[in-house]
Amino acid sequence: MTNHTFGINSSEDKFRAVLEEYNEYLQDAANTRKALSLATNTWHILDWVFKEFPGVHGFTDPDHRKAFGQFRESLYPNCEALKLLHDIANGSKHMTLDTGREKSEISTTEEHKGTSDNTFDYTFDISRLEINMNDGSTLYFEDEIKKAITFFKGYFKGELGVTI
């Protein structure tokens, strides 16, 4: 196996890099480029964990893709934001998601350009990245990525014995 990761060699390294990226994103939370990169890198932590810890949670199907899918599905009930990250990461990679490949109920995403300074909260018209859901509700990328980061901190400590 060859390594093409510039010194990021473990899922712990990957998560630490994501945490750095997350902190940079928070300084400019309405930046689409930073959000898409962060969504993609956060989503791919699952690939790293599954590769580094084979059979994690007992998913050892000889069909690696099936086992990996089962692993991911087992985590969704603990962090619904992972479904959003799946769709955003894959949608940004492939431009669209094929029907039936979606994991979440995202209708559209959009960059909202606000009129108020971003030192205010969502009750003001601030710039933000919105995730519009099929049920008509709106989620904010900043909130959802925070849920995923919080989940992974607990997951690494509780399931993998790695304190970050």
N, C-alpha and C. Protein backbone atom coordinates (compact mmCIF):
# COMPACT_ATOMS: atom_id res chain seq x y z
N MET A 1 0.84 -1.18 0.00
CA MET A 1 0.00 0.00 0.00
C MET A 1 0.89 1.24 0.00
N THR A 2 0.51 2.21 -0.77
CA THR A 2 1.27 3.45 -0.81
C THR A 2 0.52 4.53 -0.05
N ASN A 3 1.28 5.50 0.39
CA ASN A 3 0.71 6.59 1.17
C ASN A 3 0.82 7.88 0.37
N HIS A 4 -0.30 8.55 0.21
CA HIS A 4 -0.35 9.80 -0.55
C HIS A 4 -0.99 10.89 0.30
N THR A 5 -0.61 10.98 1.55
CA THR A 5 -1.34 11.84 2.48
C THR A 5 -0.49 12.89 3.17
N PHE A 6 0.72 13.11 2.71
CA PHE A 6 1.59 14.16 3.24
C PHE A 6 1.73 14.12 4.76
N GLY A 7 1.92 12.92 5.29
CA GLY A 7 2.18 12.80 6.73
C GLY A 7 0.96 12.62 7.60
N ILE A 8 -0.22 12.66 7.03
CA ILE A 8 -1.43 12.33 7.79
C ILE A 8 -1.62 10.84 7.60
N ASN A 9 -1.28 10.07 8.65
CA ASN A 9 -1.15 8.62 8.50
C ASN A 9 -2.12 7.79 9.32
N SER A 10 -3.02 8.42 10.04
CA SER A 10 -3.97 7.67 10.86
C SER A 10 -5.28 8.44 10.92
N SER A 11 -6.32 7.76 11.39
CA SER A 11 -7.60 8.45 11.54
C SER A 11 -7.49 9.55 12.58
N GLU A 12 -6.65 9.36 13.59
CA GLU A 12 -6.42 10.42 14.58
C GLU A 12 -5.78 11.63 13.90
N ASP A 13 -4.77 11.40 13.08
CA ASP A 13 -4.14 12.50 12.33
C ASP A 13 -5.17 13.21 11.46
N LYS A 14 -6.00 12.42 10.78
CA LYS A 14 -7.02 12.98 9.90
C LYS A 14 -7.99 13.86 10.69
N PHE A 15 -8.43 13.37 11.85
CA PHE A 15 -9.37 14.15 12.65
C PHE A 15 -8.71 15.42 13.18
N ARG A 16 -7.47 15.32 13.59
CA ARG A 16 -6.77 16.53 14.05
C ARG A 16 -6.68 17.57 12.92
N ALA A 17 -6.42 17.11 11.70
CA ALA A 17 -6.38 18.02 10.56
C ALA A 17 -7.76 18.64 10.31
N VAL A 18 -8.81 17.84 10.47
CA VAL A 18 -10.17 18.35 10.32
C VAL A 18 -10.47 19.39 11.39
N LEU A 19 -10.01 19.16 12.61
CA LEU A 19 -10.24 20.14 13.68
C LEU A 19 -9.55 21.47 13.36
N GLU A 20 -8.36 21.41 12.80
CA GLU A 20 -7.69 22.65 12.37
C GLU A 20 -8.51 23.35 11.29
N GLU A 21 -8.98 22.57 10.34
CA GLU A 21 -9.79 23.13 9.26
C GLU A 21 -11.10 23.71 9.81
N TYR A 22 -11.69 23.04 10.77
CA TYR A 22 -12.93 23.52 11.41
C TYR A 22 -12.69 24.87 12.08
N ASN A 23 -11.61 24.99 12.82
CA ASN A 23 -11.31 26.26 13.48
C ASN A 23 -11.08 27.39 12.47
N GLU A 24 -10.45 27.07 11.35
CA GLU A 24 -10.28 28.07 10.29
C GLU A 24 -11.63 28.44 9.67
N TYR A 25 -12.47 27.45 9.46
CA TYR A 25 -13.81 27.69 8.91
C TYR A 25 -14.61 28.62 9.82
N LEU A 26 -14.53 28.43 11.12
CA LEU A 26 -15.31 29.24 12.05
C LEU A 26 -14.98 30.73 11.96
N GLN A 27 -13.80 31.05 11.47
CA GLN A 27 -13.43 32.45 11.30
C GLN A 27 -14.13 33.09 10.09
N ASP A 28 -14.70 32.25 9.22
CA ASP A 28 -15.35 32.73 8.00
C ASP A 28 -16.45 31.73 7.63
N ALA A 29 -17.44 31.61 8.52
CA ALA A 29 -18.42 30.53 8.45
C ALA A 29 -19.39 30.62 7.27
N ALA A 30 -19.37 31.70 6.52
CA ALA A 30 -20.24 31.79 5.34
C ALA A 30 -19.45 31.52 4.05
N ASN A 31 -18.23 31.02 4.20
CA ASN A 31 -17.37 30.77 3.05
C ASN A 31 -17.67 29.38 2.47
N THR A 32 -18.24 29.38 1.28
CA THR A 32 -18.65 28.13 0.64
C THR A 32 -17.48 27.18 0.41
N ARG A 33 -16.37 27.68 -0.09
CA ARG A 33 -15.21 26.83 -0.36
C ARG A 33 -14.74 26.13 0.91
N LYS A 34 -14.64 26.89 2.00
CA LYS A 34 -14.20 26.30 3.26
C LYS A 34 -15.21 25.27 3.77
N ALA A 35 -16.49 25.57 3.62
CA ALA A 35 -17.53 24.65 4.09
C ALA A 35 -17.52 23.34 3.30
N LEU A 36 -17.40 23.43 1.99
CA LEU A 36 -17.39 22.21 1.17
C LEU A 36 -16.17 21.36 1.46
N SER A 37 -15.02 21.99 1.62
CA SER A 37 -13.81 21.25 1.96
C SER A 37 -13.95 20.58 3.32
N LEU A 38 -14.47 21.33 4.28
CA LEU A 38 -14.65 20.79 5.63
C LEU A 38 -15.66 19.65 5.63
N ALA A 39 -16.76 19.80 4.91
CA ALA A 39 -17.75 18.73 4.84
C ALA A 39 -17.13 17.46 4.27
N THR A 40 -16.37 17.61 3.20
CA THR A 40 -15.75 16.46 2.54
C THR A 40 -14.73 15.79 3.45
N ASN A 41 -13.87 16.57 4.06
CA ASN A 41 -12.84 15.99 4.93
C ASN A 41 -13.44 15.38 6.19
N THR A 42 -14.46 16.00 6.73
CA THR A 42 -15.12 15.43 7.92
C THR A 42 -15.80 14.13 7.56
N TRP A 43 -16.52 14.10 6.44
CA TRP A 43 -17.19 12.88 6.00
C TRP A 43 -16.18 11.74 5.82
N HIS A 44 -15.02 12.05 5.27
CA HIS A 44 -14.05 11.00 4.97
C HIS A 44 -13.32 10.46 6.20
N ILE A 45 -13.54 11.05 7.35
CA ILE A 45 -13.01 10.45 8.58
C ILE A 45 -13.52 9.01 8.70
N LEU A 46 -14.75 8.78 8.27
CA LEU A 46 -15.31 7.43 8.35
C LEU A 46 -14.49 6.43 7.54
N ASP A 47 -14.03 6.83 6.37
CA ASP A 47 -13.18 5.95 5.55
C ASP A 47 -11.90 5.60 6.31
N TRP A 48 -11.31 6.60 6.93
CA TRP A 48 -10.05 6.40 7.65
C TRP A 48 -10.25 5.47 8.85
N VAL A 49 -11.31 5.68 9.60
CA VAL A 49 -11.58 4.83 10.77
C VAL A 49 -11.81 3.39 10.31
N PHE A 50 -12.62 3.21 9.29
CA PHE A 50 -12.93 1.86 8.83
C PHE A 50 -11.69 1.15 8.31
N LYS A 51 -10.81 1.88 7.65
CA LYS A 51 -9.57 1.29 7.12
C LYS A 51 -8.58 0.96 8.25
N GLU A 52 -8.48 1.86 9.23
CA GLU A 52 -7.51 1.67 10.30
C GLU A 52 -7.98 0.63 11.32
N PHE A 53 -9.27 0.54 11.53
CA PHE A 53 -9.83 -0.38 12.52
C PHE A 53 -10.74 -1.38 11.81
N PRO A 54 -10.15 -2.32 11.06
CA PRO A 54 -10.97 -3.28 10.30
C PRO A 54 -11.94 -4.01 11.22
N GLY A 55 -13.13 -4.19 10.73
CA GLY A 55 -14.12 -4.90 11.52
C GLY A 55 -14.68 -4.09 12.67
N VAL A 56 -14.45 -2.77 12.65
CA VAL A 56 -14.97 -1.94 13.73
C VAL A 56 -16.47 -2.18 13.86
N HIS A 57 -16.90 -2.39 15.07
CA HIS A 57 -18.30 -2.67 15.41
C HIS A 57 -18.79 -3.99 14.80
N GLY A 58 -17.87 -4.86 14.39
CA GLY A 58 -18.25 -6.19 13.92
C GLY A 58 -18.67 -6.27 12.46
N PHE A 59 -18.47 -5.23 11.68
CA PHE A 59 -18.84 -5.27 10.27
C PHE A 59 -17.68 -5.84 9.47
N THR A 60 -17.73 -7.15 9.24
CA THR A 60 -16.61 -7.85 8.59
C THR A 60 -17.06 -8.59 7.33
N ASP A 61 -18.14 -8.18 6.73
CA ASP A 61 -18.61 -8.82 5.50
C ASP A 61 -17.46 -8.89 4.50
N PRO A 62 -17.27 -10.03 3.83
CA PRO A 62 -16.19 -10.14 2.84
C PRO A 62 -16.30 -9.07 1.74
N ASP A 63 -17.52 -8.63 1.47
CA ASP A 63 -17.73 -7.53 0.52
C ASP A 63 -17.45 -6.23 1.28
N HIS A 64 -16.25 -5.70 1.09
CA HIS A 64 -15.81 -4.51 1.83
C HIS A 64 -16.80 -3.36 1.71
N ARG A 65 -17.33 -3.14 0.53
CA ARG A 65 -18.27 -2.02 0.32
C ARG A 65 -19.53 -2.21 1.15
N LYS A 66 -20.01 -3.44 1.22
CA LYS A 66 -21.21 -3.72 2.01
C LYS A 66 -20.93 -3.49 3.49
N ALA A 67 -19.80 -3.99 3.96
CA ALA A 67 -19.44 -3.81 5.37
C ALA A 67 -19.26 -2.33 5.71
N PHE A 68 -18.63 -1.59 4.81
CA PHE A 68 -18.44 -0.16 5.04
C PHE A 68 -19.78 0.56 5.08
N GLY A 69 -20.68 0.19 4.20
CA GLY A 69 -22.02 0.78 4.21
C GLY A 69 -22.75 0.49 5.51
N GLN A 70 -22.62 -0.74 6.01
CA GLN A 70 -23.25 -1.11 7.28
C GLN A 70 -22.64 -0.31 8.43
N PHE A 71 -21.34 -0.12 8.39
CA PHE A 71 -20.66 0.68 9.41
C PHE A 71 -21.22 2.10 9.42
N ARG A 72 -21.27 2.73 8.26
CA ARG A 72 -21.79 4.10 8.19
C ARG A 72 -23.23 4.16 8.68
N GLU A 73 -24.06 3.24 8.20
CA GLU A 73 -25.47 3.23 8.60
C GLU A 73 -25.62 3.08 10.12
N SER A 74 -24.69 2.36 10.75
CA SER A 74 -24.78 2.16 12.20
C SER A 74 -24.53 3.45 12.97
N LEU A 75 -23.85 4.41 12.35
CA LEU A 75 -23.52 5.67 13.03
C LEU A 75 -24.58 6.75 12.85
N TYR A 76 -25.38 6.66 11.79
CA TYR A 76 -26.37 7.71 11.52
C TYR A 76 -27.33 7.97 12.68
N PRO A 77 -27.82 6.95 13.38
CA PRO A 77 -28.73 7.25 14.50
C PRO A 77 -28.07 8.07 15.61
N ASN A 78 -26.75 7.99 15.71
CA ASN A 78 -26.02 8.75 16.73
C ASN A 78 -25.68 10.16 16.28
N CYS A 79 -25.74 10.41 14.97
CA CYS A 79 -25.40 11.73 14.44
C CYS A 79 -26.04 11.91 13.06
N GLU A 80 -27.25 12.44 13.06
CA GLU A 80 -27.97 12.66 11.80
C GLU A 80 -27.20 13.59 10.86
N ALA A 81 -26.36 14.46 11.42
CA ALA A 81 -25.58 15.39 10.59
C ALA A 81 -24.67 14.64 9.62
N LEU A 82 -24.30 13.40 9.94
CA LEU A 82 -23.46 12.62 9.03
C LEU A 82 -24.16 12.39 7.70
N LYS A 83 -25.47 12.22 7.72
CA LYS A 83 -26.21 12.05 6.47
C LYS A 83 -26.10 13.30 5.60
N LEU A 84 -26.21 14.46 6.24
CA LEU A 84 -26.07 15.72 5.51
C LEU A 84 -24.67 15.84 4.91
N LEU A 85 -23.66 15.48 5.72
CA LEU A 85 -22.28 15.56 5.23
C LEU A 85 -22.07 14.62 4.05
N HIS A 86 -22.65 13.43 4.12
CA HIS A 86 -22.56 12.50 2.99
C HIS A 86 -23.05 13.17 1.71
N ASP A 87 -24.24 13.75 1.79
CA ASP A 87 -24.84 14.32 0.59
C ASP A 87 -24.11 15.56 0.11
N ILE A 88 -23.66 16.40 1.03
CA ILE A 88 -22.93 17.61 0.64
C ILE A 88 -21.57 17.23 0.05
N ALA A 89 -20.85 16.32 0.72
CA ALA A 89 -19.53 15.91 0.23
C ALA A 89 -19.62 15.26 -1.14
N ASN A 90 -20.54 14.34 -1.30
CA ASN A 90 -20.66 13.64 -2.58
C ASN A 90 -21.28 14.53 -3.66
N GLY A 91 -22.21 15.38 -3.27
CA GLY A 91 -22.78 16.32 -4.23
C GLY A 91 -21.75 17.30 -4.75
N SER A 92 -20.86 17.75 -3.87
CA SER A 92 -19.83 18.70 -4.31
C SER A 92 -18.74 18.00 -5.12
N LYS A 93 -18.54 16.73 -4.88
CA LYS A 93 -17.54 15.97 -5.64
C LYS A 93 -18.04 15.64 -7.05
N HIS A 94 -19.31 15.28 -7.15
CA HIS A 94 -19.86 14.79 -8.42
C HIS A 94 -20.81 15.78 -9.09
N MET A 95 -21.00 16.95 -8.52
CA MET A 95 -21.90 18.00 -8.97
C MET A 95 -23.35 17.72 -8.60
N THR A 96 -23.79 16.48 -8.67
CA THR A 96 -25.14 16.09 -8.27
C THR A 96 -25.07 14.72 -7.61
N LEU A 97 -26.15 14.34 -6.98
CA LEU A 97 -26.28 12.98 -6.45
C LEU A 97 -27.32 12.25 -7.29
N ASP A 98 -27.01 11.03 -7.65
CA ASP A 98 -27.99 10.23 -8.37
C ASP A 98 -29.18 9.95 -7.46
N THR A 99 -30.37 9.92 -8.04
CA THR A 99 -31.57 9.61 -7.28
C THR A 99 -31.39 8.27 -6.59
N GLY A 100 -31.73 8.24 -5.33
CA GLY A 100 -31.59 7.03 -4.54
C GLY A 100 -30.28 6.95 -3.78
N ARG A 101 -29.33 7.81 -4.08
CA ARG A 101 -28.04 7.81 -3.39
C ARG A 101 -28.04 8.75 -2.19
N GLU A 102 -29.08 9.58 -2.08
CA GLU A 102 -29.13 10.54 -0.98
C GLU A 102 -29.30 9.80 0.35
N LYS A 103 -28.70 10.34 1.38
CA LYS A 103 -28.87 9.80 2.72
C LYS A 103 -29.78 10.70 3.55
N SER A 104 -29.81 11.98 3.19
CA SER A 104 -30.60 12.95 3.96
C SER A 104 -31.79 13.42 3.12
N GLU A 105 -32.51 14.36 3.65
CA GLU A 105 -33.67 14.94 2.98
C GLU A 105 -33.38 16.36 2.52
N ILE A 106 -32.16 16.62 2.04
CA ILE A 106 -31.82 17.96 1.55
C ILE A 106 -32.56 18.22 0.25
N SER A 107 -33.19 19.38 0.19
CA SER A 107 -33.80 19.85 -1.05
C SER A 107 -32.79 20.66 -1.84
N THR A 108 -32.24 21.71 -1.21
CA THR A 108 -31.23 22.56 -1.83
C THR A 108 -30.30 23.10 -0.76
N THR A 109 -29.17 23.59 -1.18
CA THR A 109 -28.29 24.35 -0.29
C THR A 109 -28.07 25.70 -0.94
N GLU A 110 -27.86 26.72 -0.12
CA GLU A 110 -27.61 28.03 -0.70
C GLU A 110 -26.78 28.89 0.22
N GLU A 111 -26.11 29.82 -0.41
CA GLU A 111 -25.30 30.80 0.30
C GLU A 111 -26.18 32.04 0.47
N HIS A 112 -26.50 32.38 1.70
CA HIS A 112 -27.32 33.56 1.98
C HIS A 112 -26.41 34.73 2.31
N LYS A 113 -26.54 35.79 1.54
CA LYS A 113 -25.76 37.02 1.78
C LYS A 113 -26.60 37.93 2.66
N GLY A 114 -26.19 38.09 3.91
CA GLY A 114 -26.93 38.92 4.85
C GLY A 114 -26.56 40.38 4.79
N THR A 115 -27.36 41.18 5.47
CA THR A 115 -27.11 42.62 5.53
C THR A 115 -26.50 43.05 6.86
N SER A 116 -26.50 42.13 7.84
CA SER A 116 -25.96 42.45 9.16
C SER A 116 -24.56 41.87 9.33
N ASP A 117 -23.82 42.45 10.23
CA ASP A 117 -22.48 41.99 10.59
C ASP A 117 -22.58 40.58 11.18
N ASN A 118 -21.63 39.72 10.83
CA ASN A 118 -21.67 38.34 11.30
C ASN A 118 -21.32 38.16 12.77
N THR A 119 -21.13 39.24 13.50
CA THR A 119 -20.95 39.11 14.94
C THR A 119 -22.30 38.88 15.63
N PHE A 120 -23.40 39.05 14.89
CA PHE A 120 -24.73 38.81 15.41
C PHE A 120 -25.09 37.34 15.23
N ASP A 121 -26.24 36.93 15.79
CA ASP A 121 -26.69 35.55 15.63
C ASP A 121 -27.72 35.47 14.51
N TYR A 122 -28.33 34.28 14.35
CA TYR A 122 -29.25 34.03 13.25
C TYR A 122 -30.54 34.84 13.31
N THR A 123 -30.84 35.47 14.45
CA THR A 123 -32.05 36.29 14.51
C THR A 123 -31.88 37.56 13.68
N PHE A 124 -30.65 37.88 13.31
CA PHE A 124 -30.36 39.01 12.42
C PHE A 124 -30.10 38.46 11.02
N ASP A 125 -30.12 39.31 10.06
CA ASP A 125 -29.88 38.91 8.67
C ASP A 125 -28.38 38.85 8.40
N ILE A 126 -27.76 37.75 8.87
CA ILE A 126 -26.32 37.58 8.68
C ILE A 126 -26.07 36.63 7.50
N SER A 127 -24.89 36.70 6.94
CA SER A 127 -24.51 35.76 5.89
C SER A 127 -24.35 34.38 6.51
N ARG A 128 -24.84 33.38 5.80
CA ARG A 128 -24.78 32.02 6.32
C ARG A 128 -25.00 31.03 5.19
N LEU A 129 -24.65 29.79 5.45
CA LEU A 129 -24.86 28.71 4.49
C LEU A 129 -26.08 27.92 4.96
N GLU A 130 -27.10 27.91 4.13
CA GLU A 130 -28.37 27.30 4.49
C GLU A 130 -28.54 25.95 3.81
N ILE A 131 -29.13 25.03 4.55
CA ILE A 131 -29.47 23.70 4.04
C ILE A 131 -30.99 23.61 4.11
N ASN A 132 -31.63 23.68 2.96
CA ASN A 132 -33.09 23.64 2.90
C ASN A 132 -33.53 22.18 2.77
N MET A 133 -34.42 21.78 3.65
CA MET A 133 -34.85 20.39 3.71
C MET A 133 -36.16 20.20 2.94
N ASN A 134 -36.44 18.96 2.56
CA ASN A 134 -37.66 18.64 1.82
C ASN A 134 -38.92 19.00 2.58
N ASP A 135 -38.86 19.01 3.91
CA ASP A 135 -40.05 19.34 4.71
C ASP A 135 -40.26 20.84 4.86
N GLY A 136 -39.42 21.65 4.22
CA GLY A 136 -39.55 23.11 4.28
C GLY A 136 -38.72 23.77 5.36
N SER A 137 -38.11 22.98 6.22
CA SER A 137 -37.27 23.56 7.28
C SER A 137 -35.91 23.95 6.72
N THR A 138 -35.22 24.80 7.46
CA THR A 138 -33.88 25.24 7.07
C THR A 138 -32.91 24.95 8.19
N LEU A 139 -31.81 24.31 7.86
CA LEU A 139 -30.72 24.06 8.80
C LEU A 139 -29.57 24.95 8.38
N TYR A 140 -28.62 25.14 9.28
CA TYR A 140 -27.46 25.96 8.99
C TYR A 140 -26.22 25.09 9.04
N PHE A 141 -25.39 25.19 8.01
CA PHE A 141 -24.20 24.36 7.93
C PHE A 141 -23.35 24.48 9.19
N GLU A 142 -23.19 25.68 9.71
CA GLU A 142 -22.36 25.89 10.90
C GLU A 142 -22.85 25.03 12.07
N ASP A 143 -24.16 24.92 12.24
CA ASP A 143 -24.71 24.10 13.32
C ASP A 143 -24.50 22.61 13.06
N GLU A 144 -24.71 22.20 11.83
CA GLU A 144 -24.62 20.78 11.50
C GLU A 144 -23.18 20.27 11.55
N ILE A 145 -22.24 21.07 11.09
CA ILE A 145 -20.84 20.63 11.16
C ILE A 145 -20.39 20.57 12.61
N LYS A 146 -20.90 21.46 13.44
CA LYS A 146 -20.56 21.41 14.87
C LYS A 146 -21.07 20.10 15.49
N LYS A 147 -22.26 19.67 15.10
CA LYS A 147 -22.79 18.40 15.60
C LYS A 147 -21.88 17.24 15.19
N ALA A 148 -21.41 17.25 13.96
CA ALA A 148 -20.54 16.17 13.48
C ALA A 148 -19.20 16.19 14.21
N ILE A 149 -18.63 17.36 14.41
CA ILE A 149 -17.35 17.47 15.12
C ILE A 149 -17.51 16.97 16.56
N THR A 150 -18.59 17.37 17.21
CA THR A 150 -18.85 16.93 18.58
C THR A 150 -19.03 15.41 18.62
N PHE A 151 -19.75 14.87 17.64
CA PHE A 151 -19.92 13.42 17.56
C PHE A 151 -18.57 12.72 17.45
N PHE A 152 -17.73 13.18 16.53
CA PHE A 152 -16.44 12.52 16.32
C PHE A 152 -15.54 12.62 17.54
N LYS A 153 -15.58 13.72 18.26
CA LYS A 153 -14.79 13.82 19.50
C LYS A 153 -15.20 12.72 20.47
N GLY A 154 -16.50 12.55 20.65
CA GLY A 154 -16.99 11.50 21.54
C GLY A 154 -16.72 10.11 21.00
N TYR A 155 -16.85 9.93 19.71
CA TYR A 155 -16.64 8.64 19.07
C TYR A 155 -15.19 8.20 19.21
N PHE A 156 -14.26 9.10 18.93
CA PHE A 156 -12.85 8.75 19.05
C PHE A 156 -12.51 8.37 20.47
N LYS A 157 -13.02 9.11 21.44
CA LYS A 157 -12.71 8.81 22.84
C LYS A 157 -13.43 7.54 23.31
N GLY A 158 -14.73 7.46 23.05
CA GLY A 158 -15.52 6.35 23.58
C GLY A 158 -15.36 5.04 22.85
N GLU A 159 -15.30 5.08 21.53
CA GLU A 159 -15.26 3.86 20.73
C GLU A 159 -13.85 3.43 20.34
N LEU A 160 -12.96 4.40 20.15
CA LEU A 160 -11.62 4.07 19.68
C LEU A 160 -10.55 4.25 20.75
N GLY A 161 -10.93 4.83 21.89
CA GLY A 161 -9.97 5.06 22.98
C GLY A 161 -8.93 6.11 22.66
N VAL A 162 -9.30 7.06 21.79
CA VAL A 162 -8.37 8.11 21.38
C VAL A 162 -8.93 9.45 21.84
N THR A 163 -8.19 10.12 22.72
CA THR A 163 -8.62 11.43 23.18
C THR A 163 -7.99 12.51 22.31
N ILE A 164 -8.82 13.34 21.75
CA ILE A 164 -8.34 14.40 20.86
C ILE A 164 -8.56 15.74 21.55
